[in-house]
Amino acid sequence: MEKLKRRSALTGLGALSLGMLSPSRSKGDVLAKPYAVKQQTITTDILVVGGGTAGVVAAIQAGRAGRKVILVENGSQLGGTTTTGGVAFPGIFFAWGKQVISGIGWEMVQEAVALNDDTLPDFSIPHGRQHPKHQVRLNGQLYALLIEEKCIEAGVKIRFYETPVAAAFEKGNWAVDTIGKGTSTRIICNQLIDCTGNAYVASIAGFNVLREAVIQPGTLQFQLGGYDFQSLDLKMIKERYQEEINKGNLVKTDFRNNIVGLLRSGGDNIQHILGADSTTSETHTVANLKGRSSLLQTLRFLRTLPGCEQIKLVDMQNETAVRETYRIDGHYQITKADYVTGKVFDDAVSYSYYPIDVHDEHGVVPDHLKEGVVPTVPLRALVPKNSRNFLVAGRCVSSDRLANSALRVQASCMGMGQAAGAAAVLANMQNKSPLEVNLDDLRKLIESHGGIVPGSSQKG
């Protein structure tokens, strides 16, 4: 019944919009007045900016806990790296035979697997140094549909195609100005969560952000077909590839100087776009153009090779997926030493589990955690210094570069997102700032929605 009500509400909204925009046809076309930008002020308890991996979980957590929630996303769908970026393997949820990240994110992953008749890895078998063996492969577009449905069911008000341009803390609330297609909106909220991945809202709100001089490369996900890898003359292909690099027609760093790897993977997470930055429309445009141009040039080259004459671009994501930009300067900065030793913080609210994973112009060599180590994330790392009623979750967590290279993966971001959503709920209910909420209450709220917090009973 609830789903029917939701569907009726969405249908009614669409019909209303169509009725307002469609001119009368009884006497042919008519001139319409120029469209005026809709200016409005709306209020909510919690505003989440960024509908990616962390933002979706934060919004659902807050909505399910009974708060009014608005989710602003400047793209056309939810899911971020997993969906728009095409990195549809959001691991890792299990460490050393036990589940360490669960809750809302894991719920969504399981449903996507079941609805697509996929199979989960056997998490009881240690992955050793082959951590991709524990990655859960998803149908990214199906996942986008499911998480959108879950947001709506939780009462989350989604606003696509909008981006914030100003944020100010006034009289105990945040006033966030956004602009979108035909809209200019001021959103008044009590608690604000930045899940942009770029610490974008934290920056425009006036908080310090950190960035490396050289950031990790991004990746455009795509799929190649129309050739038989086993029948290819790989020695000849490598020689031809090197010739094109020497001539300046191809760039060796674009595919990690590994044309065989490109053909073997068929385009799965192999491309490198140096300096890829999604922070602004201009920098993201450059990243997308560089990735697509590189792919097109390489595709043309591949079709000149024996055995690859009919190679085809089967699929390609709309955007370049970005690994690293800005991080907040939080009340605590998670270091590599904290991460690789599995430091358990007094205010730990979630786990992370992934190798140190820094990509550069030469490729990537993961630095695996020692057996039994499971890193934790403190609440203080989700809160910018000098802020009130403000949290972040996801890639922009306060951390040094090496720790961030592992914290940025989706499962870890899901855990952070649920913790941030829960902290915002309690802060809103108690008229406090997130660092003032009782940690026992926070942990209980996370666990009541299926999450796992350090020190709790882990699932086998």
Protein backbone atom coordinates (compact mmCIF):
# COMPACT_ATOMS: atom_id res chain seq x y z
CA MET A 1 0.00 0.00 0.00
CA GLU A 2 2.83 2.40 0.91
CA LYS A 3 4.52 1.79 -2.47
CA LEU A 4 1.22 2.44 -4.28
CA LYS A 5 0.86 5.74 -2.42
CA ARG A 6 4.40 6.70 -3.36
CA ARG A 7 3.82 5.80 -7.01
CA SER A 8 0.60 7.82 -7.07
CA ALA A 9 2.37 10.80 -5.54
CA LEU A 10 5.14 10.66 -8.14
CA THR A 11 2.63 10.25 -10.97
CA GLY A 12 0.63 13.20 -9.72
CA LEU A 13 3.72 15.36 -9.53
CA GLY A 14 4.63 14.50 -13.11
CA ALA A 15 1.12 15.22 -14.35
CA LEU A 16 1.08 18.57 -12.55
CA SER A 17 4.40 19.58 -14.08
CA LEU A 18 3.24 18.55 -17.55
CA GLY A 19 0.01 20.50 -17.18
CA MET A 20 1.86 23.65 -16.21
CA LEU A 21 4.29 23.45 -19.09
CA SER A 22 2.05 22.28 -21.95
CA PRO A 23 0.44 25.14 -23.92
CA SER A 24 -3.09 24.88 -25.27
CA ARG A 25 -3.32 23.02 -28.58
CA SER A 26 -6.95 23.84 -29.34
CA LYS A 27 -5.98 26.75 -31.60
CA GLY A 28 -2.50 25.67 -32.54
CA ASP A 29 0.76 26.76 -30.96
CA VAL A 30 0.70 29.78 -28.66
CA LEU A 31 3.47 32.01 -27.39
CA ALA A 32 4.40 31.47 -23.75
CA LYS A 33 5.94 33.93 -21.33
CA PRO A 34 9.66 33.46 -20.70
CA TYR A 35 10.26 30.97 -17.93
CA ALA A 36 11.00 32.70 -14.63
CA VAL A 37 13.49 31.14 -12.22
CA LYS A 38 11.58 29.74 -9.27
CA GLN A 39 12.85 31.29 -6.06
CA GLN A 40 11.86 29.69 -2.78
CA THR A 41 12.83 28.97 0.81
CA ILE A 42 12.21 25.52 2.28
CA THR A 43 13.01 23.99 5.66
CA THR A 44 14.07 20.59 6.89
CA ASP A 45 15.68 18.96 9.91
CA ILE A 46 18.68 17.53 8.06
CA LEU A 47 20.17 18.43 4.69
CA VAL A 48 22.51 15.97 2.97
CA VAL A 49 24.49 17.34 0.03
CA GLY A 50 25.78 14.67 -2.34
CA GLY A 51 23.77 11.60 -3.32
CA GLY A 52 26.70 9.24 -3.70
CA THR A 53 27.73 6.24 -1.64
CA ALA A 54 27.85 7.94 1.77
CA GLY A 55 25.10 10.50 1.15
CA VAL A 56 22.41 7.99 0.27
CA VAL A 57 23.05 5.95 3.43
CA ALA A 58 23.18 9.08 5.62
CA ALA A 59 19.87 10.32 4.21
CA ILE A 60 18.11 6.97 4.59
CA GLN A 61 19.40 6.58 8.16
CA ALA A 62 18.11 10.02 9.11
CA GLY A 63 14.77 9.46 7.37
CA ARG A 64 14.19 6.08 8.95
CA ALA A 65 14.93 7.60 12.36
CA GLY A 66 12.02 9.97 11.89
CA ARG A 67 13.71 13.17 10.77
CA LYS A 68 12.73 15.37 7.83
CA VAL A 69 15.50 15.02 5.25
CA ILE A 70 16.40 16.72 1.98
CA LEU A 71 19.02 15.16 -0.29
CA VAL A 72 20.62 17.45 -2.89
CA GLU A 73 22.46 15.85 -5.81
CA ASN A 74 23.86 17.78 -8.77
CA GLY A 75 23.59 14.80 -11.12
CA SER A 76 20.67 12.79 -12.45
CA GLN A 77 20.85 9.67 -10.28
CA LEU A 78 22.00 8.44 -6.90
CA GLY A 79 24.92 6.17 -6.13
CA GLY A 80 27.94 8.20 -7.20
CA THR A 81 31.01 6.06 -7.72
CA THR A 82 28.99 2.83 -7.77
CA THR A 83 26.48 3.95 -10.39
CA THR A 84 27.50 7.07 -12.32
CA GLY A 85 31.17 6.22 -11.92
CA GLY A 86 30.60 2.58 -12.85
CA VAL A 87 32.74 1.13 -10.05
CA ALA A 88 29.99 -1.36 -9.28
CA PHE A 89 31.97 -3.45 -6.79
CA PRO A 90 31.54 -1.69 -3.45
CA GLY A 91 33.63 -3.89 -1.16
CA ILE A 92 34.81 -4.84 1.24
CA PHE A 93 32.33 -5.72 4.01
CA PHE A 94 34.06 -8.71 5.64
CA ALA A 95 37.47 -8.94 7.31
CA TRP A 96 39.19 -12.04 8.64
CA GLY A 97 36.03 -14.16 8.53
CA LYS A 98 33.73 -11.60 10.20
CA GLN A 99 31.44 -8.93 8.86
CA VAL A 100 32.65 -5.48 9.88
CA ILE A 101 30.41 -3.21 7.77
CA SER A 102 26.69 -3.85 7.62
CA GLY A 103 23.51 -1.82 8.09
CA ILE A 104 21.76 0.18 5.41
CA GLY A 105 24.52 -0.04 2.82
CA TRP A 106 24.79 -3.81 3.11
CA GLU A 107 21.00 -4.10 2.94
CA MET A 108 20.99 -2.26 -0.39
CA VAL A 109 23.85 -4.35 -1.78
CA GLN A 110 22.16 -7.62 -0.83
CA GLU A 111 18.89 -6.60 -2.46
CA ALA A 112 20.67 -5.60 -5.68
CA VAL A 113 22.45 -8.97 -5.76
CA ALA A 114 19.23 -10.90 -5.16
CA LEU A 115 17.14 -8.98 -7.71
CA ASN A 116 19.76 -9.58 -10.40
CA ASP A 117 20.23 -13.30 -9.54
CA ASP A 118 23.88 -12.63 -8.76
CA THR A 119 25.98 -14.51 -6.21
CA LEU A 120 27.85 -13.20 -3.19
CA PRO A 121 31.48 -14.28 -2.71
CA ASP A 122 32.22 -16.90 -0.09
CA PHE A 123 33.46 -14.58 2.63
CA SER A 124 34.60 -17.49 4.81
CA ILE A 125 37.47 -18.15 2.39
CA PRO A 126 40.40 -15.78 3.13
CA HIS A 127 41.26 -13.56 0.17
CA GLY A 128 44.93 -13.27 1.05
CA ARG A 129 46.52 -10.61 -1.12
CA GLN A 130 43.74 -10.93 -3.71
CA HIS A 131 41.20 -8.61 -2.08
CA PRO A 132 39.06 -8.38 -5.26
CA LYS A 133 37.92 -11.95 -4.47
CA HIS A 134 35.74 -10.43 -1.73
CA GLN A 135 34.33 -7.69 -3.95
CA VAL A 136 30.58 -7.84 -4.54
CA ARG A 137 29.76 -7.25 -8.20
CA LEU A 138 26.53 -5.34 -8.80
CA ASN A 139 24.32 -4.28 -11.67
CA GLY A 140 25.00 -0.59 -11.18
CA GLN A 141 21.88 0.73 -12.85
CA LEU A 142 19.64 -1.67 -10.95
CA TYR A 143 21.36 -0.53 -7.78
CA ALA A 144 20.54 3.09 -8.70
CA LEU A 145 16.86 2.20 -8.96
CA LEU A 146 16.83 0.40 -5.64
CA ILE A 147 18.55 3.07 -3.60
CA GLU A 148 16.29 5.76 -5.05
CA GLU A 149 13.27 3.70 -3.99
CA LYS A 150 14.69 3.30 -0.49
CA CYS A 151 15.24 7.04 -0.15
CA ILE A 152 11.66 7.76 -1.13
CA GLU A 153 10.33 5.08 1.24
CA ALA A 154 12.34 6.68 4.07
CA GLY A 155 10.65 10.02 3.35
CA VAL A 156 13.78 11.62 1.88
CA LYS A 157 13.02 14.54 -0.45
CA ILE A 158 15.41 14.22 -3.40
CA ARG A 159 16.44 17.29 -5.38
CA PHE A 160 18.43 16.39 -8.50
CA TYR A 161 20.31 18.88 -10.71
CA GLU A 162 21.05 21.27 -7.83
CA THR A 163 24.33 22.43 -6.35
CA PRO A 164 25.03 24.64 -3.31
CA VAL A 165 26.59 28.05 -3.86
CA ALA A 166 26.59 29.40 -0.30
CA ALA A 167 26.25 28.06 3.24
CA ALA A 168 25.99 30.14 6.43
CA PHE A 169 25.29 29.23 10.06
CA GLU A 170 22.66 31.58 11.44
CA LYS A 171 20.86 31.43 14.80
CA GLY A 172 21.48 27.72 15.33
CA ASN A 173 20.56 26.64 11.79
CA TRP A 174 22.26 26.40 8.42
CA ALA A 175 21.05 28.41 5.43
CA VAL A 176 22.23 26.75 2.24
CA ASP A 177 21.60 28.40 -1.12
CA THR A 178 21.36 26.12 -4.13
CA ILE A 179 20.85 26.73 -7.81
CA GLY A 180 19.55 24.25 -10.34
CA LYS A 181 17.65 24.03 -13.60
CA GLY A 182 15.18 26.87 -13.29
CA THR A 183 15.43 27.03 -9.50
CA SER A 184 17.08 29.15 -6.84
CA THR A 185 16.43 27.71 -3.41
CA ARG A 186 17.39 28.54 0.15
CA ILE A 187 17.28 25.44 2.34
CA ILE A 188 17.10 26.06 6.09
CA CYS A 189 18.26 23.04 8.07
CA ASN A 190 19.31 22.29 11.62
CA GLN A 191 22.02 19.76 10.72
CA LEU A 192 24.12 19.74 7.54
CA ILE A 193 26.01 16.73 6.15
CA ASP A 194 28.58 17.17 3.36
CA CYS A 195 28.82 13.99 1.29
CA THR A 196 30.10 15.61 -1.89
CA GLY A 197 33.39 13.70 -1.76
CA ASN A 198 35.21 16.96 -2.43
CA ALA A 199 34.46 18.69 0.92
CA TYR A 200 32.72 21.24 -1.29
CA VAL A 201 30.10 22.38 1.22
CA ALA A 202 32.69 22.52 4.01
CA SER A 203 34.78 24.80 1.80
CA ILE A 204 32.01 27.24 0.90
CA ALA A 205 30.94 27.26 4.55
CA GLY A 206 34.40 28.61 5.39
CA PHE A 207 36.09 25.56 6.91
CA ASN A 208 39.66 24.60 6.05
CA VAL A 209 40.20 21.80 3.55
CA LEU A 210 43.32 19.83 2.63
CA ARG A 211 44.64 18.59 -0.68
CA GLU A 212 47.76 16.97 -2.10
CA ALA A 213 49.91 18.78 -4.67
CA VAL A 214 49.41 15.79 -7.00
CA ILE A 215 46.17 13.84 -6.67
CA GLN A 216 45.47 10.27 -7.70
CA PRO A 217 44.31 9.65 -11.29
CA GLY A 218 40.66 9.03 -12.09
CA THR A 219 39.17 6.27 -14.22
CA LEU A 220 36.56 6.19 -16.96
CA GLN A 221 34.86 2.81 -16.82
CA PHE A 222 33.97 1.16 -20.13
CA GLN A 223 33.58 -2.25 -21.75
CA LEU A 224 35.19 -3.54 -24.94
CA GLY A 225 34.04 -6.49 -27.05
CA GLY A 226 34.33 -8.03 -30.50
CA TYR A 227 37.69 -9.81 -30.09
CA ASP A 228 39.11 -13.07 -28.73
CA PHE A 229 41.85 -12.30 -26.22
CA GLN A 230 43.25 -15.85 -26.28
CA SER A 231 43.99 -15.67 -30.02
CA LEU A 232 45.87 -12.35 -29.95
CA ASP A 233 49.59 -11.98 -30.66
CA LEU A 234 50.41 -10.11 -27.45
CA LYS A 235 54.11 -9.66 -28.26
CA MET A 236 53.28 -7.94 -31.53
CA ILE A 237 50.58 -5.81 -29.86
CA LYS A 238 52.98 -4.57 -27.19
CA GLU A 239 55.55 -3.67 -29.84
CA ARG A 240 52.98 -1.75 -31.91
CA TYR A 241 51.71 -0.01 -28.80
CA GLN A 242 55.20 1.14 -27.85
CA GLU A 243 55.73 2.46 -31.38
CA GLU A 244 52.60 4.63 -31.09
CA ILE A 245 53.75 5.91 -27.69
CA ASN A 246 57.17 6.78 -29.14
CA LYS A 247 55.48 8.68 -31.97
CA GLY A 248 53.39 10.64 -29.47
CA ASN A 249 50.11 9.24 -30.77
CA LEU A 250 49.31 7.47 -27.49
CA VAL A 251 50.23 8.23 -23.88
CA LYS A 252 51.63 5.36 -21.83
CA THR A 253 50.13 6.53 -18.54
CA ASP A 254 46.57 6.46 -19.95
CA PHE A 255 46.33 2.71 -19.48
CA ARG A 256 49.17 2.21 -16.98
CA ASN A 257 51.50 1.39 -19.93
CA ASN A 258 49.68 -1.94 -20.10
CA ILE A 259 47.90 -2.52 -23.40
CA VAL A 260 47.69 -6.24 -22.63
CA GLY A 261 45.99 -5.45 -19.35
CA LEU A 262 43.48 -3.29 -21.20
CA LEU A 263 42.62 -6.09 -23.60
CA ARG A 264 42.54 -8.73 -20.85
CA SER A 265 40.19 -6.66 -18.66
CA GLY A 266 38.08 -5.34 -21.52
CA GLY A 267 38.20 -1.89 -19.93
CA ASP A 268 37.34 -2.80 -16.35
CA ASN A 269 38.98 -0.25 -14.01
CA ILE A 270 42.16 -0.03 -16.11
CA GLN A 271 42.27 3.55 -17.42
CA HIS A 272 44.13 6.32 -15.61
CA ILE A 273 43.29 10.00 -16.11
CA LEU A 274 46.02 12.01 -14.45
CA GLY A 275 44.83 14.92 -12.31
CA ALA A 276 41.14 13.98 -12.62
CA ASP A 277 39.24 16.41 -10.37
CA SER A 278 35.46 16.53 -9.86
CA THR A 279 35.40 19.57 -7.55
CA THR A 280 34.03 22.12 -10.04
CA SER A 281 32.13 21.94 -13.30
CA GLU A 282 35.26 23.13 -15.13
CA THR A 283 37.67 20.60 -13.62
CA HIS A 284 35.18 17.76 -14.02
CA THR A 285 34.66 18.72 -17.66
CA VAL A 286 38.40 18.48 -18.26
CA ALA A 287 38.55 15.06 -16.60
CA ASN A 288 35.69 13.76 -18.74
CA LEU A 289 37.12 15.14 -21.98
CA LYS A 290 40.58 13.70 -21.29
CA GLY A 291 39.18 10.27 -20.47
CA ARG A 292 36.93 10.07 -23.52
CA SER A 293 39.57 11.40 -25.89
CA SER A 294 42.10 8.86 -24.64
CA LEU A 295 39.61 6.03 -25.06
CA LEU A 296 38.67 7.07 -28.59
CA GLN A 297 42.30 7.35 -29.73
CA THR A 298 43.14 3.98 -28.21
CA LEU A 299 40.07 2.35 -29.75
CA ARG A 300 41.10 3.54 -33.19
CA PHE A 301 44.59 2.15 -32.63
CA LEU A 302 43.30 -1.22 -31.43
CA ARG A 303 41.21 -1.64 -34.60
CA THR A 304 44.41 -1.54 -36.67
CA LEU A 305 45.75 -4.67 -34.92
CA PRO A 306 45.35 -8.22 -36.26
CA GLY A 307 42.56 -9.89 -34.31
CA CYS A 308 41.15 -6.56 -33.12
CA GLU A 309 39.78 -5.25 -36.43
CA GLN A 310 36.20 -5.49 -35.14
CA ILE A 311 36.78 -4.44 -31.56
CA LYS A 312 33.80 -2.46 -30.28
CA LEU A 313 32.93 -0.11 -27.47
CA VAL A 314 30.10 -2.04 -25.81
CA ASP A 315 29.41 0.37 -22.97
CA MET A 316 30.84 3.48 -21.31
CA GLN A 317 29.99 5.45 -18.19
CA ASN A 318 28.79 9.04 -18.49
CA GLU A 319 31.42 10.40 -16.10
CA THR A 320 34.97 9.86 -15.00
CA ALA A 321 35.18 8.35 -11.51
CA VAL A 322 37.49 10.38 -9.25
CA ARG A 323 39.63 8.97 -6.43
CA GLU A 324 40.98 11.99 -4.59
CA THR A 325 40.45 15.72 -4.23
CA TYR A 326 39.86 17.59 -0.96
CA ARG A 327 39.55 16.41 2.66
CA ILE A 328 38.34 18.33 5.69
CA ASP A 329 40.61 19.54 8.47
CA GLY A 330 38.72 17.71 11.18
CA HIS A 331 38.94 17.47 14.95
CA TYR A 332 41.07 14.39 14.32
CA GLN A 333 43.04 13.38 11.24
CA ILE A 334 43.25 9.62 10.69
CA THR A 335 46.83 8.72 9.82
CA LYS A 336 48.32 5.81 7.96
CA ALA A 337 49.76 4.60 11.27
CA ASP A 338 46.27 4.65 12.81
CA TYR A 339 44.89 2.77 9.86
CA VAL A 340 47.44 -0.01 9.43
CA THR A 341 47.57 -0.75 13.17
CA GLY A 342 43.79 -0.88 13.49
CA LYS A 343 43.66 1.80 16.18
CA VAL A 344 40.36 1.65 18.06
CA PHE A 345 39.34 5.20 18.93
CA ASP A 346 37.30 6.08 22.02
CA ASP A 347 34.74 7.69 19.71
CA ALA A 348 34.91 5.06 16.94
CA VAL A 349 31.61 4.85 15.07
CA SER A 350 32.40 2.58 12.11
CA TYR A 351 34.96 0.23 10.63
CA SER A 352 36.92 0.41 7.40
CA TYR A 353 38.63 -2.44 5.61
CA TYR A 354 40.73 -2.12 2.47
CA PRO A 355 44.45 -2.08 1.56
CA ILE A 356 46.34 1.20 1.36
CA ASP A 357 45.65 1.83 -2.32
CA VAL A 358 47.39 4.83 -3.88
CA HIS A 359 47.20 5.02 -7.69
CA ASP A 360 49.82 7.02 -9.57
CA GLU A 361 51.20 7.40 -13.11
CA HIS A 362 52.81 3.96 -12.86
CA GLY A 363 49.69 2.10 -11.71
CA VAL A 364 48.93 0.77 -8.22
CA VAL A 365 50.49 -1.73 -5.82
CA PRO A 366 48.16 -2.28 -2.82
CA ASP A 367 49.73 -2.35 0.64
CA HIS A 368 47.70 -5.01 2.45
CA LEU A 369 46.76 -4.94 6.10
CA LYS A 370 48.32 -7.46 8.45
CA GLU A 371 46.16 -10.36 9.53
CA GLY A 372 43.56 -9.43 12.11
CA VAL A 373 43.81 -5.66 11.59
CA VAL A 374 40.51 -3.81 11.12
CA PRO A 375 40.78 0.02 11.11
CA THR A 376 38.15 2.24 12.76
CA VAL A 377 36.76 5.71 12.07
CA PRO A 378 36.29 8.20 14.94
CA LEU A 379 33.37 10.61 15.01
CA ARG A 380 35.87 13.47 15.38
CA ALA A 381 37.18 12.77 11.86
CA LEU A 382 33.69 13.48 10.47
CA VAL A 383 33.48 16.97 11.96
CA PRO A 384 35.40 20.04 10.67
CA LYS A 385 37.25 22.15 13.21
CA ASN A 386 35.33 25.23 14.38
CA SER A 387 32.02 23.92 13.05
CA ARG A 388 28.59 23.46 14.62
CA ASN A 389 25.79 21.23 13.42
CA PHE A 390 28.02 20.06 10.57
CA LEU A 391 29.26 16.60 9.54
CA VAL A 392 30.94 14.99 6.57
CA ALA A 393 30.97 11.39 5.41
CA GLY A 394 32.80 9.58 2.65
CA ARG A 395 35.98 10.41 0.78
CA CYS A 396 36.39 13.87 2.35
CA VAL A 397 36.82 12.39 5.87
CA SER A 398 39.67 14.00 7.84
CA SER A 399 42.66 11.77 7.06
CA ASP A 400 46.12 11.83 5.61
CA ARG A 401 46.65 10.84 2.02
CA LEU A 402 47.63 7.21 2.61
CA ALA A 403 44.82 6.47 5.05
CA ASN A 404 42.37 8.19 2.71
CA SER A 405 43.39 5.91 -0.16
CA ALA A 406 41.73 3.07 1.75
CA LEU A 407 38.96 4.95 3.57
CA ARG A 408 37.59 6.23 0.23
CA VAL A 409 36.19 2.87 -0.93
CA GLN A 410 32.43 2.44 -0.95
CA ALA A 411 31.84 -0.01 1.92
CA SER A 412 33.84 2.20 4.29
CA CYS A 413 31.92 5.25 3.04
CA MET A 414 28.64 3.45 3.73
CA GLY A 415 29.67 2.89 7.33
CA MET A 416 30.65 6.55 7.70
CA GLY A 417 27.41 7.65 6.05
CA GLN A 418 25.26 5.71 8.49
CA ALA A 419 27.25 7.06 11.45
CA ALA A 420 26.92 10.64 10.21
CA GLY A 421 23.20 10.24 9.58
CA ALA A 422 22.67 8.84 13.07
CA ALA A 423 24.77 11.58 14.71
CA ALA A 424 22.77 14.24 12.87
CA VAL A 425 19.51 12.68 14.07
CA LEU A 426 20.51 12.77 17.74
CA ALA A 427 21.98 16.26 17.43
CA ASN A 428 18.76 17.50 15.86
CA MET A 429 16.54 15.82 18.46
CA GLN A 430 18.62 17.11 21.37
CA ASN A 431 19.40 20.57 19.96
CA LYS A 432 23.13 19.84 20.07
CA SER A 433 26.12 19.77 17.76
CA PRO A 434 27.24 16.27 16.65
CA LEU A 435 30.28 16.06 18.93
CA GLU A 436 28.03 16.77 21.92
CA VAL A 437 25.78 13.74 21.51
CA ASN A 438 26.17 10.79 23.85
CA LEU A 439 28.34 8.15 22.19
CA ASP A 440 26.46 5.25 23.76
CA ASP A 441 23.20 6.64 22.38
CA LEU A 442 24.80 7.10 18.98
CA ARG A 443 26.13 3.55 18.87
CA LYS A 444 22.76 2.15 19.95
CA LEU A 445 20.98 4.08 17.19
CA ILE A 446 23.42 2.81 14.55
CA GLU A 447 23.05 -0.78 15.77
CA SER A 448 19.24 -0.51 15.86
CA HIS A 449 19.40 0.08 12.11
CA GLY A 450 21.68 -2.88 11.48
CA GLY A 451 25.04 -1.11 11.60
CA ILE A 452 28.17 -2.47 13.23
CA VAL A 453 30.22 -0.23 15.51
CA PRO A 454 33.63 -1.02 16.98
CA GLY A 455 33.24 -2.95 20.20
CA SER A 456 29.83 -4.34 19.22
CA SER A 457 29.15 -7.99 18.44
CA GLN A 458 30.28 -8.55 14.85
CA LYS A 459 28.32 -10.75 12.50
CA GLY A 460 29.92 -13.97 11.33
